[in-house]
N, C-alpha and C. Protein backbone atom coordinates (compact mmCIF):
# COMPACT_ATOMS: atom_id res chain seq x y z
N MET A 1 -47.28 16.77 5.72
CA MET A 1 -47.98 16.31 6.90
C MET A 1 -47.71 17.24 8.08
N ARG A 2 -46.46 17.66 8.20
CA ARG A 2 -46.09 18.55 9.31
C ARG A 2 -46.85 19.87 9.20
N ASN A 3 -46.97 20.40 7.97
CA ASN A 3 -47.70 21.65 7.77
C ASN A 3 -49.16 21.50 8.14
N LEU A 4 -49.75 20.35 7.84
CA LEU A 4 -51.13 20.10 8.19
C LEU A 4 -51.31 20.09 9.71
N SER A 5 -50.39 19.45 10.41
CA SER A 5 -50.44 19.41 11.88
C SER A 5 -50.34 20.81 12.46
N LEU A 6 -49.43 21.61 11.95
CA LEU A 6 -49.27 22.98 12.44
C LEU A 6 -50.52 23.81 12.15
N CYS A 7 -51.12 23.60 11.00
CA CYS A 7 -52.34 24.31 10.63
C CYS A 7 -53.49 23.95 11.58
N ILE A 8 -53.60 22.66 11.90
CA ILE A 8 -54.65 22.21 12.82
C ILE A 8 -54.42 22.81 14.21
N LEU A 9 -53.20 22.79 14.68
CA LEU A 9 -52.89 23.37 16.00
C LEU A 9 -53.20 24.86 16.03
N ALA A 10 -52.86 25.58 14.98
CA ALA A 10 -53.13 27.02 14.91
C ALA A 10 -54.64 27.28 14.92
N THR A 11 -55.40 26.45 14.22
CA THR A 11 -56.85 26.59 14.20
C THR A 11 -57.44 26.33 15.57
N LEU A 12 -56.97 25.30 16.25
CA LEU A 12 -57.46 25.00 17.59
C LEU A 12 -57.15 26.12 18.57
N ALA A 13 -55.96 26.67 18.47
CA ALA A 13 -55.58 27.77 19.36
C ALA A 13 -56.43 29.00 19.10
N ALA A 14 -56.75 29.27 17.86
CA ALA A 14 -57.55 30.44 17.52
C ALA A 14 -59.00 30.29 17.96
N THR A 15 -59.47 29.05 18.06
CA THR A 15 -60.86 28.82 18.45
C THR A 15 -61.00 28.43 19.91
N ALA A 16 -59.94 28.60 20.69
CA ALA A 16 -59.99 28.27 22.12
C ALA A 16 -61.05 29.13 22.80
N PRO A 17 -61.66 28.62 23.87
CA PRO A 17 -62.68 29.39 24.57
C PRO A 17 -62.13 30.74 25.04
N ALA A 18 -63.02 31.72 25.10
CA ALA A 18 -62.61 33.07 25.51
C ALA A 18 -62.01 33.07 26.91
N ALA A 19 -62.52 32.21 27.79
CA ALA A 19 -62.00 32.16 29.16
C ALA A 19 -60.52 31.80 29.18
N ALA A 20 -60.12 30.96 28.27
CA ALA A 20 -58.72 30.55 28.22
C ALA A 20 -57.82 31.69 27.75
N ARG A 21 -58.40 32.64 27.02
CA ARG A 21 -57.62 33.76 26.49
C ARG A 21 -57.69 34.99 27.39
N GLN A 22 -58.38 34.92 28.50
CA GLN A 22 -58.47 36.07 29.40
C GLN A 22 -57.10 36.43 29.93
N SER A 23 -56.90 37.72 30.12
CA SER A 23 -55.64 38.18 30.69
C SER A 23 -55.60 37.86 32.18
N LEU A 24 -54.43 37.96 32.75
CA LEU A 24 -54.26 37.72 34.18
C LEU A 24 -55.14 38.66 34.99
N GLN A 25 -55.20 39.93 34.60
CA GLN A 25 -56.02 40.90 35.32
C GLN A 25 -57.51 40.57 35.20
N GLU A 26 -57.95 40.13 34.02
CA GLU A 26 -59.36 39.77 33.85
C GLU A 26 -59.73 38.58 34.72
N ARG A 27 -58.86 37.58 34.76
CA ARG A 27 -59.12 36.43 35.63
C ARG A 27 -59.09 36.86 37.10
N GLY A 28 -58.17 37.75 37.44
CA GLY A 28 -58.09 38.25 38.82
C GLY A 28 -59.33 39.02 39.22
N GLU A 29 -59.82 39.87 38.32
CA GLU A 29 -61.04 40.64 38.62
C GLU A 29 -62.23 39.70 38.82
N ALA A 30 -62.33 38.65 38.03
CA ALA A 30 -63.41 37.67 38.18
C ALA A 30 -63.30 36.95 39.52
N GLU A 31 -62.08 36.58 39.91
CA GLU A 31 -61.87 35.91 41.20
C GLU A 31 -62.21 36.85 42.36
N LEU A 32 -61.77 38.11 42.26
CA LEU A 32 -62.07 39.08 43.32
C LEU A 32 -63.57 39.29 43.43
N ALA A 33 -64.26 39.37 42.31
CA ALA A 33 -65.73 39.54 42.33
C ALA A 33 -66.40 38.39 43.07
N LYS A 34 -65.89 37.16 42.88
CA LYS A 34 -66.44 36.01 43.61
C LYS A 34 -66.20 36.15 45.11
N GLN A 35 -65.01 36.60 45.49
CA GLN A 35 -64.67 36.70 46.90
C GLN A 35 -65.51 37.75 47.63
N ILE A 36 -65.85 38.84 46.95
CA ILE A 36 -66.60 39.92 47.61
C ILE A 36 -68.09 39.89 47.28
N SER A 37 -68.52 38.86 46.56
CA SER A 37 -69.92 38.74 46.18
C SER A 37 -70.81 38.78 47.43
N GLY A 38 -71.84 39.62 47.37
CA GLY A 38 -72.78 39.73 48.48
C GLY A 38 -72.32 40.65 49.60
N LEU A 39 -71.13 41.20 49.49
CA LEU A 39 -70.61 42.11 50.52
C LEU A 39 -70.74 43.56 50.06
N VAL A 40 -70.77 44.46 51.02
CA VAL A 40 -70.96 45.89 50.75
C VAL A 40 -69.64 46.62 51.03
N PRO A 41 -69.16 47.42 50.05
CA PRO A 41 -67.92 48.16 50.29
C PRO A 41 -68.14 49.32 51.26
N GLY A 42 -67.14 49.60 52.06
CA GLY A 42 -67.18 50.72 52.99
C GLY A 42 -66.23 51.81 52.54
N LYS A 43 -66.02 52.77 53.41
CA LYS A 43 -65.13 53.89 53.12
C LYS A 43 -63.68 53.41 53.15
N PRO A 44 -62.89 53.73 52.11
CA PRO A 44 -61.49 53.31 52.10
C PRO A 44 -60.73 53.84 53.32
N GLN A 45 -59.82 53.00 53.82
CA GLN A 45 -59.02 53.34 54.99
C GLN A 45 -57.55 53.36 54.60
N GLN A 46 -56.78 54.22 55.25
CA GLN A 46 -55.36 54.29 54.93
C GLN A 46 -54.56 53.20 55.63
N CYS A 47 -55.04 52.70 56.77
CA CYS A 47 -54.31 51.68 57.53
C CYS A 47 -55.27 50.63 58.09
N ILE A 48 -54.73 49.45 58.34
CA ILE A 48 -55.45 48.41 59.07
C ILE A 48 -54.55 47.92 60.21
N THR A 49 -55.17 47.55 61.32
CA THR A 49 -54.43 47.07 62.48
C THR A 49 -54.16 45.58 62.31
N LEU A 50 -52.90 45.21 62.35
CA LEU A 50 -52.51 43.82 62.07
C LEU A 50 -53.05 42.82 63.08
N SER A 51 -53.24 43.23 64.32
CA SER A 51 -53.74 42.28 65.33
C SER A 51 -55.19 41.87 65.04
N ARG A 52 -55.88 42.59 64.16
CA ARG A 52 -57.25 42.27 63.80
C ARG A 52 -57.35 41.55 62.45
N ILE A 53 -56.20 41.18 61.88
CA ILE A 53 -56.17 40.48 60.60
C ILE A 53 -55.88 39.01 60.83
N GLU A 54 -56.70 38.14 60.24
CA GLU A 54 -56.56 36.70 60.42
C GLU A 54 -55.79 36.01 59.30
N GLY A 55 -55.63 36.68 58.18
CA GLY A 55 -54.92 36.09 57.05
C GLY A 55 -55.08 36.95 55.82
N SER A 56 -54.45 36.50 54.75
CA SER A 56 -54.56 37.23 53.49
C SER A 56 -54.36 36.28 52.32
N ASN A 57 -54.79 36.72 51.16
CA ASN A 57 -54.51 35.98 49.93
C ASN A 57 -54.33 36.97 48.79
N ILE A 58 -53.52 36.56 47.84
CA ILE A 58 -53.25 37.39 46.67
C ILE A 58 -54.19 36.94 45.55
N VAL A 59 -54.78 37.92 44.88
CA VAL A 59 -55.61 37.67 43.70
C VAL A 59 -54.76 38.07 42.50
N ASP A 60 -54.49 37.11 41.63
CA ASP A 60 -53.58 37.31 40.49
C ASP A 60 -53.78 38.65 39.79
N GLY A 61 -52.70 39.42 39.69
CA GLY A 61 -52.67 40.63 38.90
C GLY A 61 -53.64 41.72 39.31
N THR A 62 -54.25 41.60 40.50
CA THR A 62 -55.36 42.49 40.86
C THR A 62 -55.25 43.11 42.24
N ALA A 63 -55.20 42.29 43.28
CA ALA A 63 -55.34 42.82 44.64
C ALA A 63 -54.82 41.83 45.68
N ILE A 64 -54.75 42.33 46.90
CA ILE A 64 -54.49 41.49 48.07
C ILE A 64 -55.72 41.63 48.96
N VAL A 65 -56.27 40.50 49.39
CA VAL A 65 -57.44 40.50 50.25
C VAL A 65 -57.01 40.07 51.64
N TYR A 66 -57.23 40.95 52.61
CA TYR A 66 -56.91 40.68 54.02
C TYR A 66 -58.20 40.30 54.72
N ARG A 67 -58.20 39.17 55.42
CA ARG A 67 -59.37 38.70 56.16
C ARG A 67 -59.28 39.22 57.59
N GLY A 68 -60.23 40.08 57.94
CA GLY A 68 -60.26 40.66 59.27
C GLY A 68 -61.24 39.94 60.17
N MET A 69 -61.14 40.22 61.45
CA MET A 69 -62.07 39.63 62.42
C MET A 69 -63.49 40.05 62.11
N GLY A 70 -64.43 39.18 62.40
CA GLY A 70 -65.83 39.49 62.17
C GLY A 70 -66.26 39.36 60.72
N GLY A 71 -65.44 38.73 59.89
CA GLY A 71 -65.82 38.50 58.50
C GLY A 71 -65.57 39.67 57.57
N VAL A 72 -64.87 40.70 58.03
CA VAL A 72 -64.56 41.84 57.17
C VAL A 72 -63.43 41.46 56.21
N LEU A 73 -63.59 41.80 54.94
CA LEU A 73 -62.53 41.63 53.96
C LEU A 73 -62.01 43.02 53.58
N TYR A 74 -60.70 43.20 53.66
CA TYR A 74 -60.08 44.46 53.25
C TYR A 74 -59.39 44.21 51.92
N VAL A 75 -59.85 44.90 50.89
CA VAL A 75 -59.27 44.74 49.56
C VAL A 75 -58.29 45.87 49.31
N ASN A 76 -57.07 45.49 48.98
CA ASN A 76 -56.03 46.47 48.68
C ASN A 76 -55.57 46.25 47.25
N ARG A 77 -55.64 47.31 46.46
CA ARG A 77 -55.17 47.27 45.06
C ARG A 77 -53.87 48.06 45.01
N PRO A 78 -52.75 47.38 45.22
CA PRO A 78 -51.48 48.09 45.29
C PRO A 78 -51.03 48.65 43.94
N ASN A 79 -50.21 49.68 44.04
CA ASN A 79 -49.52 50.18 42.86
C ASN A 79 -48.55 49.08 42.46
N GLY A 80 -48.66 48.58 41.27
CA GLY A 80 -47.84 47.44 40.85
C GLY A 80 -48.61 46.14 40.95
N ALA A 81 -49.95 46.20 41.03
CA ALA A 81 -50.77 45.00 41.19
C ALA A 81 -50.58 44.01 40.05
N GLN A 82 -50.22 44.50 38.88
CA GLN A 82 -50.02 43.59 37.74
C GLN A 82 -48.91 42.59 38.01
N MET A 83 -48.04 42.87 38.99
CA MET A 83 -46.95 41.95 39.36
C MET A 83 -47.42 40.82 40.28
N LEU A 84 -48.60 40.97 40.89
CA LEU A 84 -49.06 39.99 41.88
C LEU A 84 -49.40 38.65 41.25
N ARG A 85 -48.95 37.58 41.90
CA ARG A 85 -49.28 36.21 41.51
C ARG A 85 -49.75 35.47 42.75
N GLU A 86 -50.75 34.65 42.56
CA GLU A 86 -51.34 33.90 43.68
C GLU A 86 -50.30 33.12 44.47
N ASP A 87 -49.28 32.62 43.80
CA ASP A 87 -48.28 31.80 44.49
C ASP A 87 -47.06 32.59 44.96
N ASP A 88 -47.14 33.92 44.94
CA ASP A 88 -46.07 34.74 45.49
C ASP A 88 -46.07 34.68 47.01
N ILE A 89 -44.91 34.94 47.58
CA ILE A 89 -44.81 35.14 49.02
C ILE A 89 -44.61 36.63 49.23
N PRO A 90 -45.61 37.33 49.82
CA PRO A 90 -45.43 38.76 50.05
C PRO A 90 -44.64 38.99 51.34
N VAL A 91 -43.60 39.78 51.25
CA VAL A 91 -42.81 40.15 52.42
C VAL A 91 -43.16 41.61 52.70
N GLN A 92 -43.81 41.84 53.84
CA GLN A 92 -44.30 43.17 54.16
C GLN A 92 -43.40 43.82 55.19
N TYR A 93 -43.05 45.05 54.92
CA TYR A 93 -42.25 45.83 55.86
C TYR A 93 -43.20 46.65 56.71
N VAL A 94 -43.27 46.32 57.99
CA VAL A 94 -44.24 46.94 58.89
C VAL A 94 -43.51 47.77 59.93
N TRP A 95 -43.98 49.00 60.09
CA TRP A 95 -43.44 49.90 61.11
C TRP A 95 -44.56 50.13 62.11
N GLY A 96 -44.50 49.47 63.26
CA GLY A 96 -45.56 49.60 64.26
C GLY A 96 -46.55 48.46 64.15
N SER A 97 -47.78 48.75 64.53
CA SER A 97 -48.80 47.70 64.60
C SER A 97 -49.79 47.74 63.44
N GLN A 98 -49.53 48.61 62.46
CA GLN A 98 -50.46 48.74 61.35
C GLN A 98 -49.77 48.54 60.01
N LEU A 99 -50.58 48.12 59.07
CA LEU A 99 -50.16 48.05 57.68
C LEU A 99 -50.85 49.23 57.01
N CYS A 100 -50.10 50.07 56.31
CA CYS A 100 -50.66 51.33 55.81
C CYS A 100 -50.43 51.52 54.32
N ARG A 101 -51.22 52.42 53.78
CA ARG A 101 -51.08 52.86 52.40
C ARG A 101 -49.63 53.30 52.19
N MET A 102 -49.06 52.97 51.06
CA MET A 102 -47.69 53.30 50.68
C MET A 102 -46.64 52.38 51.32
N ASP A 103 -47.05 51.46 52.22
CA ASP A 103 -46.09 50.47 52.71
C ASP A 103 -45.68 49.60 51.53
N GLN A 104 -44.47 49.12 51.57
CA GLN A 104 -43.93 48.36 50.44
C GLN A 104 -43.97 46.86 50.70
N LEU A 105 -44.31 46.11 49.67
CA LEU A 105 -44.27 44.65 49.68
C LEU A 105 -43.19 44.19 48.73
N LYS A 106 -42.40 43.25 49.17
CA LYS A 106 -41.46 42.58 48.28
C LYS A 106 -42.12 41.26 47.90
N LEU A 107 -42.09 40.90 46.64
CA LEU A 107 -42.71 39.67 46.17
C LEU A 107 -41.64 38.64 45.87
N LEU A 108 -41.76 37.48 46.55
CA LEU A 108 -40.79 36.40 46.35
C LEU A 108 -41.46 35.25 45.61
N ASP A 109 -40.71 34.66 44.68
CA ASP A 109 -41.18 33.48 43.99
C ASP A 109 -41.19 32.32 44.99
N ARG A 110 -42.32 31.63 45.07
CA ARG A 110 -42.47 30.57 46.08
C ARG A 110 -41.47 29.43 45.90
N SER A 111 -41.17 29.05 44.68
CA SER A 111 -40.29 27.90 44.48
C SER A 111 -38.81 28.26 44.60
N SER A 112 -38.40 29.39 44.05
CA SER A 112 -36.97 29.73 44.09
C SER A 112 -36.59 30.64 45.25
N GLN A 113 -37.59 31.26 45.89
CA GLN A 113 -37.38 32.22 46.97
C GLN A 113 -36.66 33.48 46.49
N MET A 114 -36.58 33.67 45.17
CA MET A 114 -35.93 34.85 44.62
C MET A 114 -36.93 36.00 44.50
N GLU A 115 -36.43 37.22 44.65
CA GLU A 115 -37.29 38.39 44.54
C GLU A 115 -37.78 38.53 43.10
N ARG A 116 -39.11 38.74 42.95
CA ARG A 116 -39.73 38.89 41.64
C ARG A 116 -40.13 40.32 41.34
N GLY A 117 -40.23 41.13 42.37
CA GLY A 117 -40.68 42.50 42.19
C GLY A 117 -41.17 43.06 43.51
N PHE A 118 -41.84 44.20 43.41
CA PHE A 118 -42.40 44.82 44.61
C PHE A 118 -43.65 45.59 44.24
N ALA A 119 -44.40 45.98 45.26
CA ALA A 119 -45.62 46.77 45.07
C ALA A 119 -45.77 47.67 46.29
N ASN A 120 -46.38 48.82 46.09
CA ASN A 120 -46.71 49.72 47.19
C ASN A 120 -48.20 49.63 47.45
N LEU A 121 -48.57 49.42 48.71
CA LEU A 121 -49.98 49.26 49.06
C LEU A 121 -50.77 50.53 48.79
N GLY A 122 -52.04 50.33 48.44
CA GLY A 122 -52.98 51.43 48.26
C GLY A 122 -53.90 51.51 49.46
N ASP A 123 -55.05 52.13 49.29
CA ASP A 123 -56.05 52.19 50.36
C ASP A 123 -56.66 50.81 50.58
N PHE A 124 -57.14 50.58 51.79
CA PHE A 124 -57.79 49.34 52.17
C PHE A 124 -59.30 49.58 52.16
N VAL A 125 -60.02 48.89 51.28
CA VAL A 125 -61.47 49.04 51.19
C VAL A 125 -62.11 47.89 51.95
N PRO A 126 -62.84 48.22 53.05
CA PRO A 126 -63.49 47.15 53.81
C PRO A 126 -64.79 46.69 53.13
N TYR A 127 -64.99 45.39 53.09
CA TYR A 127 -66.22 44.80 52.57
C TYR A 127 -66.86 44.01 53.70
N THR A 128 -68.12 44.31 53.98
CA THR A 128 -68.83 43.65 55.08
C THR A 128 -70.17 43.11 54.59
N LYS A 129 -70.77 42.26 55.40
CA LYS A 129 -72.11 41.76 55.09
C LYS A 129 -73.08 42.92 55.20
N PRO A 130 -74.13 42.95 54.35
CA PRO A 130 -75.10 44.04 54.44
C PRO A 130 -75.84 43.98 55.76
N ALA A 131 -76.22 45.17 56.24
CA ALA A 131 -76.97 45.25 57.48
C ALA A 131 -78.34 44.59 57.29
N LYS A 132 -78.79 43.91 58.32
CA LYS A 132 -80.11 43.26 58.26
C LYS A 132 -81.20 44.32 58.33
N ALA A 133 -82.20 44.15 57.49
CA ALA A 133 -83.33 45.09 57.47
C ALA A 133 -84.18 44.89 58.72
N THR A 134 -84.53 45.99 59.35
CA THR A 134 -85.41 45.92 60.53
C THR A 134 -86.77 46.47 60.15
N ASN A 135 -87.80 45.78 60.59
CA ASN A 135 -89.17 46.22 60.27
C ASN A 135 -89.79 46.90 61.42
């Protein structure tokens, strides 16, 4: 009976929906695509001014999205992005008034407050609403 139960469980696991078997990065890419849907990417920037940033969120295993004034989203794909988890607390070391490429983030586990890893920021790609067509 026990072997039959194990066989059934193995069969169910093998036939699980593809979405359930997606990797962390695949799920992150899908989430990022939703967040930037309908927006147009701009020229990558090396730095962003922190006083113009309203917040940020981590996309699992993929990127950090910074919400700028005026609806601009800055997508940063750090070196070490595979370490990113939505529930991490990013501790950013800032020198001056800008967050720049190669700045380091320490990632803390939200529940234990223990360091989980780190990542170095990459370029910031701004995403904006498309310009309205004029006739």
